[in-house]
Amino acid sequence: MADRKVVVAIVALVAPFAIFGVLLLIHGFMRYSDPYVLAYTGIPNGPYGPPQRIFRPQEKSAGISMMVSGVALIALGHVFSYVIMHPCMSRDKNRYQPSAQRFDAETQTKYPRVLFARYAEQYPHNPEGVLEWHIHKKTKEGKTREQAIKELMQA
């Protein structure tokens, strides 16, 4: 998952494109579906005349161009979000992967193999650290290190 700041930045970048694109789509559809325009035509029934609906073919082409512009803006917003979000997501995937634990000679001689294998299975992110912490808790109770390890083996 991306950081909260990155998500907010993406929404702030994409939202205007999406909103304006949808508005252009709606307005373009309205102009395309009704190419007649109310217009005042002259003097016959008063100083301005009654409004009449006049067919204007350029309204259809304006509607089509507005719809195309709306779709283009929405697509541009999605492209921007992908260009910004894709590197952040791939970086986050690698950031939180558990690292492979090294089973060096010191670790193998410091703890019983069975106990360390159980901790490596239960706590894959840091088995040695968690085991040390549990041993430390037991030694704070007044037990020796060997007694603590023996007790953890039995648990």
C-alpha atoms as a PDB file:
ATOM      1  CA  MET A   1       0.000   0.000   0.000  1.00  0.00           C
ATOM      2  CA  ALA A   2       1.275   3.446  -0.822  1.00  0.00           C
ATOM      3  CA  ASP A   3       1.906   6.052   1.826  1.00  0.00           C
ATOM      4  CA  ARG A   4      -1.012   8.278   2.756  1.00  0.00           C
ATOM      5  CA  LYS A   5       0.734  11.386   1.385  1.00  0.00           C
ATOM      6  CA  VAL A   6       1.223   9.721  -1.997  1.00  0.00           C
ATOM      7  CA  VAL A   7      -2.444   8.701  -2.185  1.00  0.00           C
ATOM      8  CA  VAL A   8      -3.570  12.225  -1.278  1.00  0.00           C
ATOM      9  CA  ALA A   9      -1.252  13.677  -3.938  1.00  0.00           C
ATOM     10  CA  ILE A  10      -2.608  11.299  -6.563  1.00  0.00           C
ATOM     11  CA  VAL A  11      -6.218  12.092  -5.697  1.00  0.00           C
ATOM     12  CA  ALA A  12      -5.418  15.812  -5.784  1.00  0.00           C
ATOM     13  CA  LEU A  13      -3.853  15.366  -9.218  1.00  0.00           C
ATOM     14  CA  VAL A  14      -6.440  13.047 -10.781  1.00  0.00           C
ATOM     15  CA  ALA A  15      -9.657  14.443  -9.300  1.00  0.00           C
ATOM     16  CA  PRO A  16      -9.705  17.702 -11.329  1.00  0.00           C
ATOM     17  CA  PHE A  17      -9.115  15.776 -14.552  1.00  0.00           C
ATOM     18  CA  ALA A  18     -11.875  13.305 -13.755  1.00  0.00           C
ATOM     19  CA  ILE A  19     -14.393  15.930 -12.610  1.00  0.00           C
ATOM     20  CA  PHE A  20     -13.783  18.264 -15.536  1.00  0.00           C
ATOM     21  CA  GLY A  21     -13.784  15.308 -17.951  1.00  0.00           C
ATOM     22  CA  VAL A  22     -17.166  14.078 -16.688  1.00  0.00           C
ATOM     23  CA  LEU A  23     -18.598  17.600 -16.897  1.00  0.00           C
ATOM     24  CA  LEU A  24     -17.375  17.893 -20.482  1.00  0.00           C
ATOM     25  CA  LEU A  25     -18.914  14.516 -21.292  1.00  0.00           C
ATOM     26  CA  ILE A  26     -22.297  15.515 -19.885  1.00  0.00           C
ATOM     27  CA  HIS A  27     -22.300  18.939 -21.521  1.00  0.00           C
ATOM     28  CA  GLY A  28     -21.132  17.480 -24.837  1.00  0.00           C
ATOM     29  CA  PHE A  29     -23.857  14.850 -24.745  1.00  0.00           C
ATOM     30  CA  MET A  30     -26.481  17.519 -24.050  1.00  0.00           C
ATOM     31  CA  ARG A  31     -25.257  19.655 -26.963  1.00  0.00           C
ATOM     32  CA  TYR A  32     -25.091  16.642 -29.269  1.00  0.00           C
ATOM     33  CA  SER A  33     -28.535  15.322 -28.360  1.00  0.00           C
ATOM     34  CA  ASP A  34     -30.301  18.683 -28.772  1.00  0.00           C
ATOM     35  CA  PRO A  35     -28.653  20.786 -31.517  1.00  0.00           C
ATOM     36  CA  TYR A  36     -31.521  23.316 -31.559  1.00  0.00           C
ATOM     37  CA  VAL A  37     -30.836  26.645 -29.922  1.00  0.00           C
ATOM     38  CA  LEU A  38     -33.305  29.189 -28.590  1.00  0.00           C
ATOM     39  CA  ALA A  39     -32.726  32.409 -30.440  1.00  0.00           C
ATOM     40  CA  TYR A  40     -34.518  35.699 -30.815  1.00  0.00           C
ATOM     41  CA  THR A  41     -35.273  36.073 -34.495  1.00  0.00           C
ATOM     42  CA  GLY A  42     -36.750  39.446 -35.085  1.00  0.00           C
ATOM     43  CA  ILE A  43     -39.500  41.984 -34.562  1.00  0.00           C
ATOM     44  CA  PRO A  44     -42.783  40.264 -35.576  1.00  0.00           C
ATOM     45  CA  ASN A  45     -44.271  39.890 -32.073  1.00  0.00           C
ATOM     46  CA  GLY A  46     -42.556  42.606 -30.111  1.00  0.00           C
ATOM     47  CA  PRO A  47     -39.225  44.354 -29.959  1.00  0.00           C
ATOM     48  CA  TYR A  48     -37.262  41.107 -29.676  1.00  0.00           C
ATOM     49  CA  GLY A  49     -39.709  38.675 -31.174  1.00  0.00           C
ATOM     50  CA  PRO A  50     -40.630  35.336 -29.691  1.00  0.00           C
ATOM     51  CA  PRO A  51     -37.805  32.945 -29.072  1.00  0.00           C
ATOM     52  CA  GLN A  52     -37.635  30.218 -31.681  1.00  0.00           C
ATOM     53  CA  ARG A  53     -35.675  27.023 -31.837  1.00  0.00           C
ATOM     54  CA  ILE A  54     -33.177  27.182 -34.670  1.00  0.00           C
ATOM     55  CA  PHE A  55     -31.222  24.160 -35.865  1.00  0.00           C
ATOM     56  CA  ARG A  56     -27.494  24.756 -35.751  1.00  0.00           C
ATOM     57  CA  PRO A  57     -25.380  21.879 -37.123  1.00  0.00           C
ATOM     58  CA  GLN A  58     -22.268  23.202 -35.442  1.00  0.00           C
ATOM     59  CA  GLU A  59     -23.869  22.280 -32.096  1.00  0.00           C
ATOM     60  CA  LYS A  60     -23.604  18.585 -32.986  1.00  0.00           C
ATOM     61  CA  SER A  61     -19.924  18.863 -33.843  1.00  0.00           C
ATOM     62  CA  ALA A  62     -19.284  20.929 -30.701  1.00  0.00           C
ATOM     63  CA  GLY A  63     -21.028  18.248 -28.653  1.00  0.00           C
ATOM     64  CA  ILE A  64     -18.923  15.503 -30.203  1.00  0.00           C
ATOM     65  CA  SER A  65     -15.694  17.439 -29.640  1.00  0.00           C
ATOM     66  CA  MET A  66     -16.657  18.104 -26.012  1.00  0.00           C
ATOM     67  CA  MET A  67     -17.355  14.415 -25.420  1.00  0.00           C
ATOM     68  CA  VAL A  68     -14.014  13.458 -26.966  1.00  0.00           C
ATOM     69  CA  SER A  69     -12.267  16.075 -24.814  1.00  0.00           C
ATOM     70  CA  GLY A  70     -13.985  14.706 -21.705  1.00  0.00           C
ATOM     71  CA  VAL A  71     -12.883  11.145 -22.451  1.00  0.00           C
ATOM     72  CA  ALA A  72      -9.354  12.372 -23.187  1.00  0.00           C
ATOM     73  CA  LEU A  73      -9.183  14.238 -19.870  1.00  0.00           C
ATOM     74  CA  ILE A  74     -10.380  11.217 -17.908  1.00  0.00           C
ATOM     75  CA  ALA A  75      -7.822   9.014 -19.690  1.00  0.00           C
ATOM     76  CA  LEU A  76      -5.086  11.577 -19.049  1.00  0.00           C
ATOM     77  CA  GLY A  77      -5.930  11.570 -15.343  1.00  0.00           C
ATOM     78  CA  HIS A  78      -5.666   7.786 -15.257  1.00  0.00           C
ATOM     79  CA  VAL A  79      -2.331   7.872 -17.095  1.00  0.00           C
ATOM     80  CA  PHE A  80      -0.995  10.417 -14.587  1.00  0.00           C
ATOM     81  CA  SER A  81      -2.152   8.281 -11.674  1.00  0.00           C
ATOM     82  CA  TYR A  82      -0.495   5.188 -13.182  1.00  0.00           C
ATOM     83  CA  VAL A  83       2.770   7.010 -13.879  1.00  0.00           C
ATOM     84  CA  ILE A  84       2.904   8.316 -10.317  1.00  0.00           C
ATOM     85  CA  MET A  85       1.404   5.341  -8.483  1.00  0.00           C
ATOM     86  CA  HIS A  86       3.163   2.458 -10.260  1.00  0.00           C
ATOM     87  CA  PRO A  87       6.691   3.248  -9.004  1.00  0.00           C
ATOM     88  CA  CYS A  88       5.353   3.888  -5.491  1.00  0.00           C
ATOM     89  CA  MET A  89       3.530   0.564  -5.396  1.00  0.00           C
ATOM     90  CA  SER A  90       6.462  -1.438  -6.716  1.00  0.00           C
ATOM     91  CA  ARG A  91       8.753   0.267  -4.216  1.00  0.00           C
ATOM     92  CA  ASP A  92       6.336  -0.518  -1.360  1.00  0.00           C
ATOM     93  CA  LYS A  93       6.150  -4.190  -2.323  1.00  0.00           C
ATOM     94  CA  ASN A  94       9.900  -4.493  -1.927  1.00  0.00           C
ATOM     95  CA  ARG A  95       9.994  -2.396   1.213  1.00  0.00           C
ATOM     96  CA  TYR A  96       7.897  -4.696   3.370  1.00  0.00           C
ATOM     97  CA  GLN A  97       9.157  -8.105   2.228  1.00  0.00           C
ATOM     98  CA  PRO A  98      10.651 -10.085   5.090  1.00  0.00           C
ATOM     99  CA  SER A  99      14.369 -10.428   4.695  1.00  0.00           C
ATOM    100  CA  ALA A 100      15.951 -13.838   4.512  1.00  0.00           C
ATOM    101  CA  GLN A 101      17.491 -14.784   7.852  1.00  0.00           C
ATOM    102  CA  ARG A 102      21.107 -15.820   7.953  1.00  0.00           C
ATOM    103  CA  PHE A 103      21.700 -19.051   9.773  1.00  0.00           C
ATOM    104  CA  ASP A 104      25.316 -18.430  10.642  1.00  0.00           C
ATOM    105  CA  ALA A 105      27.501 -20.552  12.892  1.00  0.00           C
ATOM    106  CA  GLU A 106      26.980 -18.295  15.914  1.00  0.00           C
ATOM    107  CA  THR A 107      23.199 -18.589  15.704  1.00  0.00           C
ATOM    108  CA  GLN A 108      23.372 -22.361  15.310  1.00  0.00           C
ATOM    109  CA  THR A 109      25.566 -22.795  18.386  1.00  0.00           C
ATOM    110  CA  LYS A 110      23.792 -20.164  20.500  1.00  0.00           C
ATOM    111  CA  TYR A 111      20.323 -21.803  20.442  1.00  0.00           C
ATOM    112  CA  PRO A 112      19.068 -25.373  20.089  1.00  0.00           C
ATOM    113  CA  ARG A 113      18.271 -26.103  16.441  1.00  0.00           C
ATOM    114  CA  VAL A 114      14.674 -27.212  17.149  1.00  0.00           C
ATOM    115  CA  LEU A 115      13.886 -24.100  19.163  1.00  0.00           C
ATOM    116  CA  PHE A 116      15.348 -21.765  16.550  1.00  0.00           C
ATOM    117  CA  ALA A 117      13.501 -23.583  13.735  1.00  0.00           C
ATOM    118  CA  ARG A 118      10.209 -23.130  15.602  1.00  0.00           C
ATOM    119  CA  TYR A 119      10.901 -19.417  16.105  1.00  0.00           C
ATOM    120  CA  ALA A 120      11.928 -19.029  12.457  1.00  0.00           C
ATOM    121  CA  GLU A 121       8.560 -20.493  11.461  1.00  0.00           C
ATOM    122  CA  GLN A 122       6.497 -18.451  13.934  1.00  0.00           C
ATOM    123  CA  TYR A 123       8.396 -15.175  13.574  1.00  0.00           C
ATOM    124  CA  PRO A 124       9.887 -15.067  10.045  1.00  0.00           C
ATOM    125  CA  HIS A 125      10.610 -11.341  10.211  1.00  0.00           C
ATOM    126  CA  ASN A 126      13.157 -11.657  13.069  1.00  0.00           C
ATOM    127  CA  PRO A 127      13.321 -15.055  14.785  1.00  0.00           C
ATOM    128  CA  GLU A 128      16.629 -14.433  16.545  1.00  0.00           C
ATOM    129  CA  GLY A 129      15.496 -11.103  17.989  1.00  0.00           C
ATOM    130  CA  VAL A 130      12.184 -12.480  19.251  1.00  0.00           C
ATOM    131  CA  LEU A 131      13.908 -15.512  20.787  1.00  0.00           C
ATOM    132  CA  GLU A 132      16.438 -13.280  22.513  1.00  0.00           C
ATOM    133  CA  TRP A 133      13.620 -11.122  23.831  1.00  0.00           C
ATOM    134  CA  HIS A 134      11.789 -14.149  25.240  1.00  0.00           C
ATOM    135  CA  ILE A 135      15.006 -15.400  26.864  1.00  0.00           C
ATOM    136  CA  HIS A 136      15.584 -11.918  28.301  1.00  0.00           C
ATOM    137  CA  LYS A 137      12.060 -11.916  29.789  1.00  0.00           C
ATOM    138  CA  LYS A 138      12.731 -15.279  31.445  1.00  0.00           C
ATOM    139  CA  THR A 139      16.083 -14.133  32.847  1.00  0.00           C
ATOM    140  CA  LYS A 140      14.376 -11.062  34.342  1.00  0.00           C
ATOM    141  CA  GLU A 141      12.188 -13.495  36.282  1.00  0.00           C
ATOM    142  CA  GLY A 142      15.362 -14.758  37.975  1.00  0.00           C
ATOM    143  CA  LYS A 143      16.178 -17.803  35.813  1.00  0.00           C
ATOM    144  CA  THR A 144      19.504 -18.525  34.191  1.00  0.00           C
ATOM    145  CA  ARG A 145      19.889 -18.410  30.422  1.00  0.00           C
ATOM    146  CA  GLU A 146      20.031 -22.214  30.209  1.00  0.00           C
ATOM    147  CA  GLN A 147      16.868 -22.581  32.317  1.00  0.00           C
ATOM    148  CA  ALA A 148      15.095 -20.024  30.116  1.00  0.00           C
ATOM    149  CA  ILE A 149      16.080 -21.867  26.927  1.00  0.00           C
ATOM    150  CA  LYS A 150      14.991 -25.191  28.431  1.00  0.00           C
ATOM    151  CA  GLU A 151      11.631 -23.699  29.440  1.00  0.00           C
ATOM    152  CA  LEU A 152      11.099 -22.211  25.993  1.00  0.00           C
ATOM    153  CA  MET A 153      11.872 -25.615  24.466  1.00  0.00           C
ATOM    154  CA  GLN A 154       9.102 -27.176  26.546  1.00  0.00           C
ATOM    155  CA  ALA A 155       6.536 -24.470  25.777  1.00  0.00           C
END
